């Protein structure tokens, strides 16, 4: 937490709405991104982000200044998104991280071509994330997109550290299997779309 953020939080806890507006501005992008990763819909993610900030504002008196504010705020957003996913439901790869950098958040490329590939990869990643259970998805996003430790994730999701590790293990394995299947289907589709070879008549 930087000095400005500490001042904003102290002022916001004292009832300064303008100070909280600065906090919203500073965190709106990561909160929206988390909500989008969880909900897979921009409109729902925007609503969820707004609700997360509203809940944070109402509960600022419960925030412990000794704790990371980012972790606390993203925890609120994560729980809200998990609740929304639950409501929606009602209406053998190696798992070493360095061997699975294909599903890490891609860096945007400088050219249109690279950006196109990046966008396609982002869409594939989102499609894969959608196959995971809510808490597995939340643990994965918090760990790999926000660099949260096992302990921070456990605190955010109200589960044990061992449960976090287990969920990450399972999520990585499932994503690896799903990615392999998706890749195979893409190759098969590309082969099917190719024009059959026609023999050129001899003259």
C-alpha atoms as a PDB file:
ATOM      1  CA  UNK A   1       0.000   0.000   0.000  1.00  0.00           C
ATOM      2  CA  UNK A   2       1.421   3.365  -1.006  1.00  0.00           C
ATOM      3  CA  UNK A   3       1.177   6.531   1.085  1.00  0.00           C
ATOM      4  CA  UNK A   4      -1.617   8.047  -1.000  1.00  0.00           C
ATOM      5  CA  UNK A   5      -3.707   4.916  -0.704  1.00  0.00           C
ATOM      6  CA  UNK A   6      -3.254   4.826   3.055  1.00  0.00           C
ATOM      7  CA  UNK A   7      -4.406   8.457   3.254  1.00  0.00           C
ATOM      8  CA  UNK A   8      -7.419   7.785   1.018  1.00  0.00           C
ATOM      9  CA  UNK A   9      -8.441   4.785   3.110  1.00  0.00           C
ATOM     10  CA  UNK A  10      -8.101   6.673   6.364  1.00  0.00           C
ATOM     11  CA  UNK A  11     -10.167   9.550   4.977  1.00  0.00           C
ATOM     12  CA  UNK A  12     -12.757   7.221   3.493  1.00  0.00           C
ATOM     13  CA  UNK A  13     -13.159   5.420   6.798  1.00  0.00           C
ATOM     14  CA  UNK A  14     -13.754   8.819   8.361  1.00  0.00           C
ATOM     15  CA  UNK A  15     -16.597   9.435   5.902  1.00  0.00           C
ATOM     16  CA  UNK A  16     -14.848  11.199   3.021  1.00  0.00           C
ATOM     17  CA  UNK A  17     -16.677  10.044  -0.133  1.00  0.00           C
ATOM     18  CA  UNK A  18     -14.222  11.817  -2.422  1.00  0.00           C
ATOM     19  CA  UNK A  19     -11.351   9.829  -0.939  1.00  0.00           C
ATOM     20  CA  UNK A  20     -13.224   6.597  -1.641  1.00  0.00           C
ATOM     21  CA  UNK A  21     -13.749   7.764  -5.234  1.00  0.00           C
ATOM     22  CA  UNK A  22      -9.959   7.843  -5.600  1.00  0.00           C
ATOM     23  CA  UNK A  23      -9.846   4.252  -4.341  1.00  0.00           C
ATOM     24  CA  UNK A  24     -12.463   3.205  -6.880  1.00  0.00           C
ATOM     25  CA  UNK A  25     -10.468   4.855  -9.662  1.00  0.00           C
ATOM     26  CA  UNK A  26      -7.282   3.086  -8.567  1.00  0.00           C
ATOM     27  CA  UNK A  27      -8.868  -0.372  -8.351  1.00  0.00           C
ATOM     28  CA  UNK A  28     -11.670  -0.362 -10.900  1.00  0.00           C
ATOM     29  CA  UNK A  29      -9.590  -2.083 -13.592  1.00  0.00           C
ATOM     30  CA  UNK A  30      -8.328  -5.059 -11.513  1.00  0.00           C
ATOM     31  CA  UNK A  31     -11.740  -5.516  -9.874  1.00  0.00           C
ATOM     32  CA  UNK A  32     -13.544  -5.481 -13.230  1.00  0.00           C
ATOM     33  CA  UNK A  33     -10.958  -7.852 -14.701  1.00  0.00           C
ATOM     34  CA  UNK A  34     -11.454 -10.319 -11.850  1.00  0.00           C
ATOM     35  CA  UNK A  35     -15.233 -10.147 -12.220  1.00  0.00           C
ATOM     36  CA  UNK A  36     -14.987 -10.659 -15.963  1.00  0.00           C
ATOM     37  CA  UNK A  37     -12.730 -13.697 -15.527  1.00  0.00           C
ATOM     38  CA  UNK A  38     -15.276 -15.116 -13.111  1.00  0.00           C
ATOM     39  CA  UNK A  39     -18.509 -14.244 -14.928  1.00  0.00           C
ATOM     40  CA  UNK A  40     -17.451 -14.220 -18.617  1.00  0.00           C
ATOM     41  CA  UNK A  41     -19.779 -11.332 -19.427  1.00  0.00           C
ATOM     42  CA  UNK A  42     -18.807  -7.656 -19.565  1.00  0.00           C
ATOM     43  CA  UNK A  43     -22.187  -6.367 -18.418  1.00  0.00           C
ATOM     44  CA  UNK A  44     -22.385  -8.767 -15.491  1.00  0.00           C
ATOM     45  CA  UNK A  45     -18.765  -7.995 -14.612  1.00  0.00           C
ATOM     46  CA  UNK A  46     -19.471  -4.261 -14.537  1.00  0.00           C
ATOM     47  CA  UNK A  47     -22.464  -4.797 -12.248  1.00  0.00           C
ATOM     48  CA  UNK A  48     -20.425  -7.102 -10.017  1.00  0.00           C
ATOM     49  CA  UNK A  49     -17.566  -4.605  -9.780  1.00  0.00           C
ATOM     50  CA  UNK A  50     -19.966  -1.855  -8.756  1.00  0.00           C
ATOM     51  CA  UNK A  51     -21.507  -4.128  -6.145  1.00  0.00           C
ATOM     52  CA  UNK A  52     -18.060  -5.066  -4.821  1.00  0.00           C
ATOM     53  CA  UNK A  53     -17.118  -1.407  -4.347  1.00  0.00           C
ATOM     54  CA  UNK A  54     -20.481  -0.698  -2.708  1.00  0.00           C
ATOM     55  CA  UNK A  55     -19.990  -3.550  -0.263  1.00  0.00           C
ATOM     56  CA  UNK A  56     -16.441  -2.428   0.440  1.00  0.00           C
ATOM     57  CA  UNK A  57     -17.663   1.109   1.131  1.00  0.00           C
ATOM     58  CA  UNK A  58     -20.363  -0.115   3.512  1.00  0.00           C
ATOM     59  CA  UNK A  59     -17.894  -2.317   5.370  1.00  0.00           C
ATOM     60  CA  UNK A  60     -14.848  -0.040   5.554  1.00  0.00           C
ATOM     61  CA  UNK A  61     -15.176   0.012   9.331  1.00  0.00           C
ATOM     62  CA  UNK A  62     -14.478  -3.735   9.289  1.00  0.00           C
ATOM     63  CA  UNK A  63     -11.326  -3.419   7.189  1.00  0.00           C
ATOM     64  CA  UNK A  64      -8.113  -4.119   9.081  1.00  0.00           C
ATOM     65  CA  UNK A  65      -5.430  -1.589   8.008  1.00  0.00           C
ATOM     66  CA  UNK A  66      -2.785  -4.195   8.793  1.00  0.00           C
ATOM     67  CA  UNK A  67      -4.149  -6.338   6.008  1.00  0.00           C
ATOM     68  CA  UNK A  68      -3.655  -5.808   2.265  1.00  0.00           C
ATOM     69  CA  UNK A  69      -6.516  -3.671   1.000  1.00  0.00           C
ATOM     70  CA  UNK A  70      -6.243  -5.171  -2.488  1.00  0.00           C
ATOM     71  CA  UNK A  71      -6.645  -8.672  -1.059  1.00  0.00           C
ATOM     72  CA  UNK A  72      -9.623  -7.568   1.030  1.00  0.00           C
ATOM     73  CA  UNK A  73     -11.324  -5.836  -1.900  1.00  0.00           C
ATOM     74  CA  UNK A  74     -10.747  -8.683  -4.362  1.00  0.00           C
ATOM     75  CA  UNK A  75     -12.028 -11.099  -1.736  1.00  0.00           C
ATOM     76  CA  UNK A  76     -15.317  -9.196  -1.661  1.00  0.00           C
ATOM     77  CA  UNK A  77     -15.485  -9.262  -5.459  1.00  0.00           C
ATOM     78  CA  UNK A  78     -14.654 -12.990  -5.583  1.00  0.00           C
ATOM     79  CA  UNK A  79     -17.359 -13.948  -3.106  1.00  0.00           C
ATOM     80  CA  UNK A  80     -19.955 -11.880  -4.918  1.00  0.00           C
ATOM     81  CA  UNK A  81     -19.065 -13.471  -8.262  1.00  0.00           C
ATOM     82  CA  UNK A  82     -19.199 -16.953  -6.763  1.00  0.00           C
ATOM     83  CA  UNK A  83     -22.676 -16.181  -5.424  1.00  0.00           C
ATOM     84  CA  UNK A  84     -23.751 -14.999  -8.882  1.00  0.00           C
ATOM     85  CA  UNK A  85     -22.427 -18.176 -10.491  1.00  0.00           C
ATOM     86  CA  UNK A  86     -24.327 -20.278  -7.988  1.00  0.00           C
ATOM     87  CA  UNK A  87     -27.492 -18.405  -8.837  1.00  0.00           C
ATOM     88  CA  UNK A  88     -26.884 -19.027 -12.532  1.00  0.00           C
ATOM     89  CA  UNK A  89     -26.575 -22.715 -11.880  1.00  0.00           C
ATOM     90  CA  UNK A  90     -29.874 -22.820 -10.022  1.00  0.00           C
ATOM     91  CA  UNK A  91     -32.008 -20.906 -12.735  1.00  0.00           C
ATOM     92  CA  UNK A  92      -2.723 -36.736 -17.099  1.00  0.00           C
ATOM     93  CA  UNK A  93      -0.610 -33.784 -17.742  1.00  0.00           C
ATOM     94  CA  UNK A  94       2.262 -32.564 -15.583  1.00  0.00           C
ATOM     95  CA  UNK A  95       1.032 -29.634 -13.566  1.00  0.00           C
ATOM     96  CA  UNK A  96       4.317 -27.791 -13.106  1.00  0.00           C
ATOM     97  CA  UNK A  97       3.600 -24.115 -13.649  1.00  0.00           C
ATOM     98  CA  UNK A  98       6.508 -23.496 -15.981  1.00  0.00           C
ATOM     99  CA  UNK A  99       5.299 -26.288 -18.274  1.00  0.00           C
ATOM    100  CA  UNK A 100       1.895 -24.661 -18.679  1.00  0.00           C
ATOM    101  CA  UNK A 101       2.677 -21.073 -19.557  1.00  0.00           C
ATOM    102  CA  UNK A 102       0.244 -21.426 -22.468  1.00  0.00           C
ATOM    103  CA  UNK A 103      -2.620 -20.443 -20.181  1.00  0.00           C
ATOM    104  CA  UNK A 104      -0.895 -17.606 -18.393  1.00  0.00           C
ATOM    105  CA  UNK A 105      -2.357 -14.162 -19.195  1.00  0.00           C
ATOM    106  CA  UNK A 106      -0.839 -13.236 -22.598  1.00  0.00           C
ATOM    107  CA  UNK A 107       1.085 -10.008 -23.090  1.00  0.00           C
ATOM    108  CA  UNK A 108      -0.566  -7.764 -25.695  1.00  0.00           C
ATOM    109  CA  UNK A 109       1.498  -7.570 -28.886  1.00  0.00           C
ATOM    110  CA  UNK A 110       2.375  -4.352 -30.693  1.00  0.00           C
ATOM    111  CA  UNK A 111       0.997  -5.345 -34.100  1.00  0.00           C
ATOM    112  CA  UNK A 112      -2.622  -6.031 -35.182  1.00  0.00           C
ATOM    113  CA  UNK A 113      -1.704  -9.591 -36.108  1.00  0.00           C
ATOM    114  CA  UNK A 114      -0.230 -10.311 -32.705  1.00  0.00           C
ATOM    115  CA  UNK A 115      -3.161  -8.611 -30.990  1.00  0.00           C
ATOM    116  CA  UNK A 116      -5.533 -10.816 -32.977  1.00  0.00           C
ATOM    117  CA  UNK A 117      -3.734 -13.952 -31.827  1.00  0.00           C
ATOM    118  CA  UNK A 118      -3.735 -12.597 -28.270  1.00  0.00           C
ATOM    119  CA  UNK A 119      -7.481 -11.915 -28.435  1.00  0.00           C
ATOM    120  CA  UNK A 120      -8.129 -15.441 -29.704  1.00  0.00           C
ATOM    121  CA  UNK A 121      -5.985 -16.855 -26.934  1.00  0.00           C
ATOM    122  CA  UNK A 122      -7.820 -14.760 -24.341  1.00  0.00           C
ATOM    123  CA  UNK A 123     -11.146 -16.058 -25.669  1.00  0.00           C
ATOM    124  CA  UNK A 124      -9.891 -19.640 -25.492  1.00  0.00           C
ATOM    125  CA  UNK A 125      -8.659 -19.068 -21.955  1.00  0.00           C
ATOM    126  CA  UNK A 126     -12.005 -17.652 -20.901  1.00  0.00           C
ATOM    127  CA  UNK A 127     -13.794 -20.605 -22.460  1.00  0.00           C
ATOM    128  CA  UNK A 128     -11.577 -22.969 -20.470  1.00  0.00           C
ATOM    129  CA  UNK A 129     -12.094 -21.033 -17.236  1.00  0.00           C
ATOM    130  CA  UNK A 130     -15.840 -21.373 -17.683  1.00  0.00           C
ATOM    131  CA  UNK A 131     -15.544 -25.152 -17.307  1.00  0.00           C
ATOM    132  CA  UNK A 132     -14.180 -24.900 -13.756  1.00  0.00           C
ATOM    133  CA  UNK A 133     -16.156 -24.915 -10.498  1.00  0.00           C
ATOM    134  CA  UNK A 134     -16.581 -21.434  -9.026  1.00  0.00           C
ATOM    135  CA  UNK A 135     -14.007 -21.621  -6.235  1.00  0.00           C
ATOM    136  CA  UNK A 136     -11.473 -23.415  -8.425  1.00  0.00           C
ATOM    137  CA  UNK A 137     -11.836 -20.622 -10.966  1.00  0.00           C
ATOM    138  CA  UNK A 138     -11.508 -17.947  -8.295  1.00  0.00           C
ATOM    139  CA  UNK A 139      -8.395 -19.564  -6.818  1.00  0.00           C
ATOM    140  CA  UNK A 140      -6.802 -19.818 -10.256  1.00  0.00           C
ATOM    141  CA  UNK A 141      -7.540 -16.217 -11.210  1.00  0.00           C
ATOM    142  CA  UNK A 142      -6.351 -14.830  -7.883  1.00  0.00           C
ATOM    143  CA  UNK A 143      -3.126 -16.839  -8.006  1.00  0.00           C
ATOM    144  CA  UNK A 144      -2.076 -16.411 -11.633  1.00  0.00           C
ATOM    145  CA  UNK A 145      -3.601 -13.081 -12.592  1.00  0.00           C
ATOM    146  CA  UNK A 146      -3.143 -11.282  -9.280  1.00  0.00           C
ATOM    147  CA  UNK A 147      -0.147 -13.107  -7.796  1.00  0.00           C
ATOM    148  CA  UNK A 148      -1.932 -13.854  -4.542  1.00  0.00           C
ATOM    149  CA  UNK A 149      -0.209 -16.297  -2.222  1.00  0.00           C
ATOM    150  CA  UNK A 150      -1.847 -19.509  -1.041  1.00  0.00           C
ATOM    151  CA  UNK A 151      -2.470 -17.833   2.307  1.00  0.00           C
ATOM    152  CA  UNK A 152      -4.121 -14.792   0.728  1.00  0.00           C
ATOM    153  CA  UNK A 153      -6.355 -16.980  -1.427  1.00  0.00           C
ATOM    154  CA  UNK A 154      -7.309 -19.088   1.571  1.00  0.00           C
ATOM    155  CA  UNK A 155      -8.279 -15.946   3.437  1.00  0.00           C
ATOM    156  CA  UNK A 156     -10.182 -14.547   0.460  1.00  0.00           C
ATOM    157  CA  UNK A 157     -12.188 -17.713  -0.201  1.00  0.00           C
ATOM    158  CA  UNK A 158     -12.572 -18.797   3.434  1.00  0.00           C
ATOM    159  CA  UNK A 159     -10.885 -22.140   2.872  1.00  0.00           C
ATOM    160  CA  UNK A 160      -7.690 -23.771   4.143  1.00  0.00           C
ATOM    161  CA  UNK A 161      -4.291 -23.418   2.497  1.00  0.00           C
ATOM    162  CA  UNK A 162      -4.277 -27.133   1.711  1.00  0.00           C
ATOM    163  CA  UNK A 163      -7.672 -26.724   0.019  1.00  0.00           C
ATOM    164  CA  UNK A 164      -6.245 -23.886  -2.087  1.00  0.00           C
ATOM    165  CA  UNK A 165      -3.364 -26.075  -3.238  1.00  0.00           C
ATOM    166  CA  UNK A 166      -5.749 -28.918  -3.998  1.00  0.00           C
ATOM    167  CA  UNK A 167      -8.052 -26.659  -6.012  1.00  0.00           C
ATOM    168  CA  UNK A 168      -5.160 -25.193  -7.994  1.00  0.00           C
ATOM    169  CA  UNK A 169      -3.793 -28.668  -8.705  1.00  0.00           C
ATOM    170  CA  UNK A 170      -7.185 -29.863  -9.927  1.00  0.00           C
ATOM    171  CA  UNK A 171      -7.846 -26.710 -11.946  1.00  0.00           C
ATOM    172  CA  UNK A 172      -4.493 -26.870 -13.739  1.00  0.00           C
ATOM    173  CA  UNK A 173      -5.019 -30.529 -14.604  1.00  0.00           C
ATOM    174  CA  UNK A 174      -8.519 -29.920 -15.946  1.00  0.00           C
ATOM    175  CA  UNK A 175      -7.394 -26.916 -17.983  1.00  0.00           C
ATOM    176  CA  UNK A 176      -4.494 -28.860 -19.459  1.00  0.00           C
ATOM    177  CA  UNK A 177      -6.818 -31.669 -20.535  1.00  0.00           C
ATOM    178  CA  UNK A 178      -9.378 -29.231 -21.919  1.00  0.00           C
ATOM    179  CA  UNK A 179      -6.687 -27.314 -23.784  1.00  0.00           C
ATOM    180  CA  UNK A 180      -5.383 -30.472 -25.397  1.00  0.00           C
ATOM    181  CA  UNK A 181      -8.895 -31.378 -26.543  1.00  0.00           C
ATOM    182  CA  UNK A 182      -9.551 -27.870 -27.867  1.00  0.00           C
ATOM    183  CA  UNK A 183      -6.233 -27.841 -29.726  1.00  0.00           C
ATOM    184  CA  UNK A 184      -6.987 -31.193 -31.344  1.00  0.00           C
ATOM    185  CA  UNK A 185     -10.441 -30.008 -32.410  1.00  0.00           C
ATOM    186  CA  UNK A 186      -8.964 -26.837 -33.922  1.00  0.00           C
ATOM    187  CA  UNK A 187      -6.453 -28.836 -35.974  1.00  0.00           C
ATOM    188  CA  UNK A 188      -9.160 -31.218 -37.153  1.00  0.00           C
ATOM    189  CA  UNK A 189     -11.350 -28.283 -38.192  1.00  0.00           C
ATOM    190  CA  UNK A 190      -8.493 -26.664 -40.102  1.00  0.00           C
ATOM    191  CA  UNK A 191      -7.745 -29.922 -41.944  1.00  0.00           C
ATOM    192  CA  UNK A 192     -11.421 -30.335 -42.870  1.00  0.00           C
ATOM    193  CA  UNK A 193     -11.630 -26.816 -44.302  1.00  0.00           C
ATOM    194  CA  UNK A 194      -8.634 -27.248 -46.594  1.00  0.00           C
ATOM    195  CA  UNK A 195      -9.394 -27.488 -50.313  1.00  0.00           C
ATOM    196  CA  UNK A 196      -8.848 -31.034 -51.646  1.00  0.00           C
ATOM    197  CA  UNK A 197      -5.870 -31.389 -53.957  1.00  0.00           C
ATOM    198  CA  UNK A 198      -6.869 -31.497 -57.593  1.00  0.00           C
ATOM    199  CA  UNK A 199      -4.489 -33.050 -60.086  1.00  0.00           C
ATOM    200  CA  UNK A 200      -3.442 -30.673 -62.866  1.00  0.00           C
ATOM    201  CA  UNK A 201      -4.138 -32.204 -66.278  1.00  0.00           C
ATOM    202  CA  UNK A 202      -1.114 -32.824 -68.453  1.00  0.00           C
ATOM    203  CA  UNK A 203      -0.907 -31.143 -71.823  1.00  0.00           C
END
